[in-house]
Amino acid sequence: MASYGCTVEWSRADAVFTDQKYSRAHAWRFDGGAVVAASSSPHSVRVPLSDPAAVDPEEALVAAVSSCHMLWFLSLAAQRGIVIESYRDAAEGRMGTFGDGQRGIVEVLLRPAVLVGGGAAPADGEIDALHHAAHEHCDIAHSIRGEVRVQGSWRAGGAR
């Protein structure tokens, strides 16, 4: 079984810490060399103790679900000979309370807009079927407790 990881780094710097007035800004370091500026959400911890320009864990979860879905969608479309020119997803996660009283991301809404090229348009329902299949393959979506929904759109584009 594959293993995935990243290194999360934070430093107190000169903050007192015990007064709760320390920066929540930190870094995510990935094995390929990427470094992502991260912080708590300004919805959770007020600015300037959080960094609104950084990625927060809730945004990262939504992005991971969206990215996983897209990668499976592209792979499945290519296998079926459907040429995808572009893919854009304005994904959104909704924080709420589960039935057991625990708070969390209770829903992720994917809104993929797909531009299909390469000649003939896909058959009715074919793009929706690809989104369904992509969701079935996405291990990230299956790893979270909240519901993951997809509201996709597509349009035909020019042949290349």
Protein backbone atom coordinates (compact mmCIF):
# COMPACT_ATOMS: atom_id res chain seq x y z
CA MET A 1 0.00 0.00 0.00
CA ALA A 2 1.27 3.47 -0.84
CA SER A 3 2.14 5.98 1.84
CA TYR A 4 1.80 9.74 1.53
CA GLY A 5 3.19 12.47 3.70
CA CYS A 6 4.31 16.00 4.08
CA THR A 7 6.24 17.90 6.70
CA VAL A 8 4.35 20.62 8.54
CA GLU A 9 6.63 23.24 10.09
CA TRP A 10 5.77 26.04 12.53
CA SER A 11 7.90 28.15 14.82
CA ARG A 12 6.87 30.32 17.76
CA ALA A 13 9.41 33.02 16.87
CA ASP A 14 9.21 35.70 19.58
CA ALA A 15 5.54 35.21 20.54
CA VAL A 16 4.68 34.57 24.20
CA PHE A 17 2.54 31.57 23.09
CA THR A 18 0.62 30.95 26.31
CA ASP A 19 -1.39 34.13 25.74
CA GLN A 20 -2.82 32.54 22.55
CA LYS A 21 -1.48 35.47 20.47
CA TYR A 22 0.94 33.46 18.36
CA SER A 23 0.90 33.27 14.57
CA ARG A 24 -0.87 30.29 13.05
CA ALA A 25 1.13 30.68 9.81
CA HIS A 26 3.22 27.63 8.97
CA ALA A 27 4.59 25.73 5.96
CA TRP A 28 3.70 22.46 4.27
CA ARG A 29 6.77 20.84 2.70
CA PHE A 30 6.24 18.04 0.22
CA ASP A 31 8.71 15.39 -0.94
CA GLY A 32 8.91 16.82 -4.46
CA GLY A 33 10.17 20.13 -3.11
CA ALA A 34 6.94 22.11 -3.13
CA VAL A 35 6.45 24.39 -0.15
CA VAL A 36 2.99 25.77 0.54
CA ALA A 37 2.28 28.68 2.87
CA ALA A 38 -0.42 27.49 5.27
CA SER A 39 -2.36 28.96 8.16
CA SER A 40 -5.51 28.54 10.15
CA SER A 41 -8.59 29.91 8.43
CA PRO A 42 -9.45 33.54 9.23
CA HIS A 43 -12.92 32.08 9.98
CA SER A 44 -11.31 30.21 12.90
CA VAL A 45 -8.56 32.56 14.07
CA ARG A 46 -8.66 36.29 13.43
CA VAL A 47 -6.12 38.16 11.31
CA PRO A 48 -3.24 38.92 12.00
CA LEU A 49 -2.87 35.66 13.93
CA SER A 50 -3.91 33.82 10.78
CA ASP A 51 -2.70 34.56 7.26
CA PRO A 52 -5.60 34.96 4.81
CA ALA A 53 -3.18 34.66 1.85
CA ALA A 54 -2.11 31.18 2.94
CA VAL A 55 -3.91 27.89 2.37
CA ASP A 56 -5.89 26.70 5.35
CA PRO A 57 -6.60 23.02 6.13
CA GLU A 58 -10.26 23.32 5.14
CA GLU A 59 -9.34 24.77 1.73
CA ALA A 60 -6.70 22.06 1.30
CA LEU A 61 -9.27 19.33 1.94
CA VAL A 62 -11.62 20.80 -0.65
CA ALA A 63 -8.74 21.17 -3.12
CA ALA A 64 -7.63 17.56 -2.55
CA VAL A 65 -11.14 16.25 -3.26
CA SER A 66 -11.45 18.44 -6.37
CA SER A 67 -8.00 17.53 -7.66
CA CYS A 68 -8.53 13.80 -7.15
CA HIS A 69 -11.88 13.93 -8.94
CA MET A 70 -10.38 15.90 -11.85
CA LEU A 71 -7.42 13.56 -12.29
CA TRP A 72 -9.72 10.52 -12.43
CA PHE A 73 -12.12 12.32 -14.77
CA LEU A 74 -9.30 13.21 -17.19
CA SER A 75 -7.92 9.67 -17.12
CA LEU A 76 -11.32 8.09 -17.78
CA ALA A 77 -12.13 10.57 -20.55
CA ALA A 78 -8.80 9.84 -22.26
CA GLN A 79 -9.47 6.08 -22.02
CA ARG A 80 -12.81 6.63 -23.78
CA GLY A 81 -11.27 8.80 -26.49
CA ILE A 82 -12.95 12.00 -25.33
CA VAL A 83 -10.62 14.98 -25.75
CA ILE A 84 -10.76 17.41 -22.84
CA GLU A 85 -9.43 20.86 -23.69
CA SER A 86 -9.78 22.36 -20.23
CA TYR A 87 -11.24 21.68 -16.81
CA ARG A 88 -12.03 24.22 -14.11
CA ASP A 89 -13.71 23.47 -10.80
CA ALA A 90 -14.96 26.16 -8.43
CA ALA A 91 -15.18 23.66 -5.56
CA GLU A 92 -16.61 24.62 -2.20
CA GLY A 93 -16.66 22.97 1.21
CA ARG A 94 -19.33 23.64 3.80
CA MET A 95 -18.55 23.51 7.51
CA GLY A 96 -21.29 22.25 9.78
CA THR A 97 -22.20 19.81 12.50
CA PHE A 98 -22.59 16.07 12.01
CA GLY A 99 -25.36 14.10 13.69
CA ASP A 100 -23.03 13.12 16.54
CA GLY A 101 -22.38 16.79 17.35
CA GLN A 102 -18.87 16.91 15.87
CA ARG A 103 -18.05 19.83 13.57
CA GLY A 104 -16.41 19.31 10.23
CA ILE A 105 -16.67 19.69 6.49
CA VAL A 106 -20.14 18.21 6.06
CA GLU A 107 -20.27 18.66 2.29
CA VAL A 108 -17.95 19.28 -0.63
CA LEU A 109 -19.60 20.63 -3.75
CA LEU A 110 -17.66 20.18 -6.98
CA ARG A 111 -18.65 22.38 -9.92
CA PRO A 112 -16.46 21.21 -12.79
CA ALA A 113 -16.74 23.14 -16.03
CA VAL A 114 -15.31 20.97 -18.80
CA LEU A 115 -14.41 22.09 -22.32
CA VAL A 116 -14.63 19.16 -24.73
CA GLY A 117 -12.81 19.33 -28.06
CA GLY A 118 -11.56 17.02 -30.74
CA GLY A 119 -14.56 16.68 -33.02
CA ALA A 120 -17.78 14.91 -32.13
CA ALA A 121 -19.53 15.88 -28.93
CA PRO A 122 -19.96 13.16 -26.31
CA ALA A 123 -23.27 11.32 -26.20
CA ASP A 124 -25.98 12.58 -23.85
CA GLY A 125 -25.11 11.65 -20.30
CA GLU A 126 -21.56 10.55 -21.13
CA ILE A 127 -19.89 13.42 -19.27
CA ASP A 128 -22.14 12.85 -16.25
CA ALA A 129 -21.24 9.14 -16.37
CA LEU A 130 -17.54 10.07 -16.40
CA HIS A 131 -18.05 12.29 -13.33
CA HIS A 132 -19.85 9.43 -11.57
CA ALA A 133 -17.06 7.00 -12.43
CA ALA A 134 -14.40 9.51 -11.33
CA HIS A 135 -16.17 9.87 -7.99
CA GLU A 136 -16.25 6.09 -7.56
CA HIS A 137 -12.46 5.96 -8.12
CA CYS A 138 -11.51 8.96 -5.95
CA ASP A 139 -9.96 7.62 -2.75
CA ILE A 140 -9.81 11.13 -1.27
CA ALA A 141 -13.60 11.55 -1.53
CA HIS A 142 -14.04 8.16 0.10
CA SER A 143 -11.69 9.15 2.91
CA ILE A 144 -13.80 11.95 4.32
CA ARG A 145 -16.91 11.80 6.42
CA GLY A 146 -18.93 14.55 4.74
CA GLU A 147 -20.84 14.09 1.53
CA VAL A 148 -19.07 14.91 -1.73
CA ARG A 149 -21.37 16.08 -4.52
CA VAL A 150 -20.64 17.04 -8.11
CA GLN A 151 -22.48 19.68 -10.14
CA GLY A 152 -20.60 19.64 -13.42
CA SER A 153 -20.97 21.48 -16.68
CA TRP A 154 -19.28 21.12 -20.00
CA ARG A 155 -19.20 22.82 -23.36
CA ALA A 156 -17.75 21.98 -26.72
CA GLY A 157 -14.69 23.83 -27.92
CA GLY A 158 -12.73 24.13 -31.10
CA ALA A 159 -10.76 21.18 -32.46
CA ARG A 160 -7.00 21.34 -32.13
